[in-house]
């Protein structure tokens, strides 16, 4: 029998100070020791989850993280399993829409880098990059990989 528990960092795994409580660490350790798969699920890239996974002892090829709201699933050894990233075609359309409507827009690649085409980087994109310990790249659609 396979047992799995899914955890999201904000409000479930982390307290209001973005820390893991000792009681949570103890429960996760007990679950892992009993063969339960503890899967971290988040809109964050892996770089933003790795410190918590390390702190909890979630490691190895048989433990997982669902990142970027399900776009990339990795095992804890950083092997990418299925992924569903934004195509170049969609990046072009979304970049054009963001420019036309004067709204910030970015994507996150499989290496946790935040990518935007806008040289006037939005403050929240910088915060997202900093919070998740991810790099930021400015790339026009022509600089992105083909579909």
C-alpha atoms as a PDB file:
ATOM      1  CA  UNK A   1       0.000   0.000   0.000  1.00  0.00           C
ATOM      2  CA  UNK A   2       1.333   3.445  -0.949  1.00  0.00           C
ATOM      3  CA  UNK A   3       0.655   6.374   1.364  1.00  0.00           C
ATOM      4  CA  UNK A   4       1.129   9.947   0.185  1.00  0.00           C
ATOM      5  CA  UNK A   5       0.636  13.291   1.861  1.00  0.00           C
ATOM      6  CA  UNK A   6       0.678  16.537  -0.113  1.00  0.00           C
ATOM      7  CA  UNK A   7       1.866  19.707   1.598  1.00  0.00           C
ATOM      8  CA  UNK A   8       1.840  23.314   0.442  1.00  0.00           C
ATOM      9  CA  UNK A   9       4.365  25.597   2.150  1.00  0.00           C
ATOM     10  CA  UNK A  10       2.346  28.712   2.924  1.00  0.00           C
ATOM     11  CA  UNK A  11      -0.126  28.199   5.751  1.00  0.00           C
ATOM     12  CA  UNK A  12       0.243  24.423   5.916  1.00  0.00           C
ATOM     13  CA  UNK A  13       3.911  23.556   6.204  1.00  0.00           C
ATOM     14  CA  UNK A  14       5.185  26.987   7.271  1.00  0.00           C
ATOM     15  CA  UNK A  15       4.002  29.224  10.078  1.00  0.00           C
ATOM     16  CA  UNK A  16       3.396  32.968   9.694  1.00  0.00           C
ATOM     17  CA  UNK A  17       7.148  33.591  10.117  1.00  0.00           C
ATOM     18  CA  UNK A  18       7.894  31.191   7.203  1.00  0.00           C
ATOM     19  CA  UNK A  19       9.406  28.650   9.602  1.00  0.00           C
ATOM     20  CA  UNK A  20       8.705  24.953  10.033  1.00  0.00           C
ATOM     21  CA  UNK A  21       7.479  24.189  13.537  1.00  0.00           C
ATOM     22  CA  UNK A  22       9.273  21.466  15.534  1.00  0.00           C
ATOM     23  CA  UNK A  23       5.990  19.535  15.734  1.00  0.00           C
ATOM     24  CA  UNK A  24       5.735  19.594  11.927  1.00  0.00           C
ATOM     25  CA  UNK A  25       9.327  18.368  11.563  1.00  0.00           C
ATOM     26  CA  UNK A  26       8.576  15.529  13.976  1.00  0.00           C
ATOM     27  CA  UNK A  27       5.395  14.530  12.101  1.00  0.00           C
ATOM     28  CA  UNK A  28       7.137  14.608   8.708  1.00  0.00           C
ATOM     29  CA  UNK A  29      10.060  12.556  10.038  1.00  0.00           C
ATOM     30  CA  UNK A  30       7.636   9.985  11.450  1.00  0.00           C
ATOM     31  CA  UNK A  31       5.760   9.830   8.120  1.00  0.00           C
ATOM     32  CA  UNK A  32       9.011   9.409   6.165  1.00  0.00           C
ATOM     33  CA  UNK A  33      10.230   6.742   8.611  1.00  0.00           C
ATOM     34  CA  UNK A  34       6.960   4.865   8.023  1.00  0.00           C
ATOM     35  CA  UNK A  35       7.343   4.943   4.240  1.00  0.00           C
ATOM     36  CA  UNK A  36       4.875   7.756   3.558  1.00  0.00           C
ATOM     37  CA  UNK A  37       5.683   9.881   0.521  1.00  0.00           C
ATOM     38  CA  UNK A  38       5.673  13.519   1.633  1.00  0.00           C
ATOM     39  CA  UNK A  39       5.247  15.609  -1.509  1.00  0.00           C
ATOM     40  CA  UNK A  40       5.751  19.368  -1.368  1.00  0.00           C
ATOM     41  CA  UNK A  41       3.377  21.132  -3.783  1.00  0.00           C
ATOM     42  CA  UNK A  42       3.697  24.809  -4.582  1.00  0.00           C
ATOM     43  CA  UNK A  43       3.579  27.569  -7.134  1.00  0.00           C
ATOM     44  CA  UNK A  44       7.198  28.190  -6.213  1.00  0.00           C
ATOM     45  CA  UNK A  45      10.098  26.890  -8.283  1.00  0.00           C
ATOM     46  CA  UNK A  46      12.279  24.143  -6.811  1.00  0.00           C
ATOM     47  CA  UNK A  47      14.857  26.713  -5.664  1.00  0.00           C
ATOM     48  CA  UNK A  48      12.203  28.142  -3.350  1.00  0.00           C
ATOM     49  CA  UNK A  49      11.341  24.716  -1.916  1.00  0.00           C
ATOM     50  CA  UNK A  50      14.777  23.099  -1.625  1.00  0.00           C
ATOM     51  CA  UNK A  51      15.674  24.630   1.785  1.00  0.00           C
ATOM     52  CA  UNK A  52      12.443  23.271   3.300  1.00  0.00           C
ATOM     53  CA  UNK A  53      12.889  19.861   1.700  1.00  0.00           C
ATOM     54  CA  UNK A  54      16.437  19.691   3.071  1.00  0.00           C
ATOM     55  CA  UNK A  55      15.300  20.778   6.533  1.00  0.00           C
ATOM     56  CA  UNK A  56      12.622  18.064   6.555  1.00  0.00           C
ATOM     57  CA  UNK A  57      14.847  15.306   5.165  1.00  0.00           C
ATOM     58  CA  UNK A  58      12.824  14.929   1.958  1.00  0.00           C
ATOM     59  CA  UNK A  59      15.488  13.472  -0.320  1.00  0.00           C
ATOM     60  CA  UNK A  60      16.184  10.743  -2.812  1.00  0.00           C
ATOM     61  CA  UNK A  61      14.742   9.547  -6.067  1.00  0.00           C
ATOM     62  CA  UNK A  62      11.579   8.216  -4.394  1.00  0.00           C
ATOM     63  CA  UNK A  63      10.460  11.546  -2.855  1.00  0.00           C
ATOM     64  CA  UNK A  64       8.935  14.341  -4.931  1.00  0.00           C
ATOM     65  CA  UNK A  65       8.077  18.005  -5.331  1.00  0.00           C
ATOM     66  CA  UNK A  66       5.333  19.419  -7.530  1.00  0.00           C
ATOM     67  CA  UNK A  67       6.513  22.896  -8.529  1.00  0.00           C
ATOM     68  CA  UNK A  68       5.233  25.897 -10.456  1.00  0.00           C
ATOM     69  CA  UNK A  69       1.598  24.976  -9.788  1.00  0.00           C
ATOM     70  CA  UNK A  70       2.057  21.566 -11.339  1.00  0.00           C
ATOM     71  CA  UNK A  71       4.086  22.597 -14.400  1.00  0.00           C
ATOM     72  CA  UNK A  72       7.111  20.559 -13.267  1.00  0.00           C
ATOM     73  CA  UNK A  73       7.297  17.454 -11.108  1.00  0.00           C
ATOM     74  CA  UNK A  74      10.748  16.472  -9.843  1.00  0.00           C
ATOM     75  CA  UNK A  75      12.088  13.860  -7.556  1.00  0.00           C
ATOM     76  CA  UNK A  76      14.153  15.105  -4.623  1.00  0.00           C
ATOM     77  CA  UNK A  77      17.335  14.189  -6.539  1.00  0.00           C
ATOM     78  CA  UNK A  78      16.338  16.972  -8.996  1.00  0.00           C
ATOM     79  CA  UNK A  79      15.331  14.675 -11.856  1.00  0.00           C
ATOM     80  CA  UNK A  80      12.505  16.217 -13.871  1.00  0.00           C
ATOM     81  CA  UNK A  81       9.564  13.923 -14.435  1.00  0.00           C
ATOM     82  CA  UNK A  82       6.635  15.308 -16.465  1.00  0.00           C
ATOM     83  CA  UNK A  83       6.694  19.012 -17.298  1.00  0.00           C
ATOM     84  CA  UNK A  84       4.279  21.374 -18.957  1.00  0.00           C
ATOM     85  CA  UNK A  85       6.104  24.630 -19.648  1.00  0.00           C
ATOM     86  CA  UNK A  86       4.988  27.647 -21.671  1.00  0.00           C
ATOM     87  CA  UNK A  87       5.667  27.199 -25.382  1.00  0.00           C
ATOM     88  CA  UNK A  88       7.505  29.855 -27.391  1.00  0.00           C
ATOM     89  CA  UNK A  89       4.282  30.554 -29.256  1.00  0.00           C
ATOM     90  CA  UNK A  90       2.428  31.220 -26.006  1.00  0.00           C
ATOM     91  CA  UNK A  91       5.347  33.238 -24.600  1.00  0.00           C
ATOM     92  CA  UNK A  92       5.122  35.501 -27.660  1.00  0.00           C
ATOM     93  CA  UNK A  93       1.376  35.979 -27.250  1.00  0.00           C
ATOM     94  CA  UNK A  94       1.561  36.578 -23.504  1.00  0.00           C
ATOM     95  CA  UNK A  95       4.504  38.984 -23.887  1.00  0.00           C
ATOM     96  CA  UNK A  96       2.573  40.978 -26.505  1.00  0.00           C
ATOM     97  CA  UNK A  97      -0.522  41.055 -24.299  1.00  0.00           C
ATOM     98  CA  UNK A  98       1.491  42.225 -21.258  1.00  0.00           C
ATOM     99  CA  UNK A  99       3.184  44.958 -23.274  1.00  0.00           C
ATOM    100  CA  UNK A 100      -0.057  46.159 -24.849  1.00  0.00           C
ATOM    101  CA  UNK A 101      -1.867  46.233 -21.498  1.00  0.00           C
ATOM    102  CA  UNK A 102       1.063  47.504 -19.413  1.00  0.00           C
ATOM    103  CA  UNK A 103       1.036  44.575 -16.992  1.00  0.00           C
ATOM    104  CA  UNK A 104       3.980  42.617 -15.608  1.00  0.00           C
ATOM    105  CA  UNK A 105       4.486  39.130 -16.987  1.00  0.00           C
ATOM    106  CA  UNK A 106       7.052  36.390 -16.433  1.00  0.00           C
ATOM    107  CA  UNK A 107       7.549  32.674 -16.777  1.00  0.00           C
ATOM    108  CA  UNK A 108       9.745  30.344 -14.750  1.00  0.00           C
ATOM    109  CA  UNK A 109      11.980  27.794 -16.438  1.00  0.00           C
ATOM    110  CA  UNK A 110      12.872  24.306 -15.249  1.00  0.00           C
ATOM    111  CA  UNK A 111      15.999  25.692 -13.518  1.00  0.00           C
ATOM    112  CA  UNK A 112      13.862  28.082 -11.415  1.00  0.00           C
ATOM    113  CA  UNK A 113      14.969  31.169 -13.352  1.00  0.00           C
ATOM    114  CA  UNK A 114      12.367  33.894 -13.765  1.00  0.00           C
ATOM    115  CA  UNK A 115      12.177  35.122 -17.362  1.00  0.00           C
ATOM    116  CA  UNK A 116      10.562  38.323 -18.589  1.00  0.00           C
ATOM    117  CA  UNK A 117      10.784  40.261 -21.844  1.00  0.00           C
ATOM    118  CA  UNK A 118      10.282  43.591 -20.090  1.00  0.00           C
ATOM    119  CA  UNK A 119      13.447  45.596 -19.364  1.00  0.00           C
ATOM    120  CA  UNK A 120      11.416  47.631 -16.842  1.00  0.00           C
ATOM    121  CA  UNK A 121      11.223  44.746 -14.395  1.00  0.00           C
ATOM    122  CA  UNK A 122       8.273  44.895 -12.035  1.00  0.00           C
ATOM    123  CA  UNK A 123       9.133  45.114  -8.334  1.00  0.00           C
ATOM    124  CA  UNK A 124       7.110  41.972  -7.503  1.00  0.00           C
ATOM    125  CA  UNK A 125       9.068  39.985 -10.097  1.00  0.00           C
ATOM    126  CA  UNK A 126      12.253  41.009  -8.301  1.00  0.00           C
ATOM    127  CA  UNK A 127      10.732  39.994  -4.971  1.00  0.00           C
ATOM    128  CA  UNK A 128       9.692  36.634  -6.456  1.00  0.00           C
ATOM    129  CA  UNK A 129      13.225  36.091  -7.721  1.00  0.00           C
ATOM    130  CA  UNK A 130      14.744  36.999  -4.354  1.00  0.00           C
ATOM    131  CA  UNK A 131      12.263  34.995  -2.248  1.00  0.00           C
ATOM    132  CA  UNK A 132      12.859  31.854  -4.255  1.00  0.00           C
ATOM    133  CA  UNK A 133      16.624  32.299  -4.576  1.00  0.00           C
ATOM    134  CA  UNK A 134      16.122  32.165  -8.326  1.00  0.00           C
ATOM    135  CA  UNK A 135      17.890  34.109 -11.024  1.00  0.00           C
ATOM    136  CA  UNK A 136      16.157  36.495 -13.386  1.00  0.00           C
ATOM    137  CA  UNK A 137      16.668  36.745 -17.124  1.00  0.00           C
ATOM    138  CA  UNK A 138      15.351  39.268 -19.622  1.00  0.00           C
ATOM    139  CA  UNK A 139      14.651  37.372 -22.831  1.00  0.00           C
ATOM    140  CA  UNK A 140      12.710  38.420 -25.893  1.00  0.00           C
ATOM    141  CA  UNK A 141      10.647  35.690 -27.578  1.00  0.00           C
ATOM    142  CA  UNK A 142      13.303  35.350 -30.327  1.00  0.00           C
ATOM    143  CA  UNK A 143      15.839  34.475 -27.628  1.00  0.00           C
ATOM    144  CA  UNK A 144      13.708  31.663 -26.225  1.00  0.00           C
ATOM    145  CA  UNK A 145      13.882  28.043 -27.383  1.00  0.00           C
ATOM    146  CA  UNK A 146      11.618  27.040 -30.256  1.00  0.00           C
ATOM    147  CA  UNK A 147       8.576  24.880 -29.469  1.00  0.00           C
END
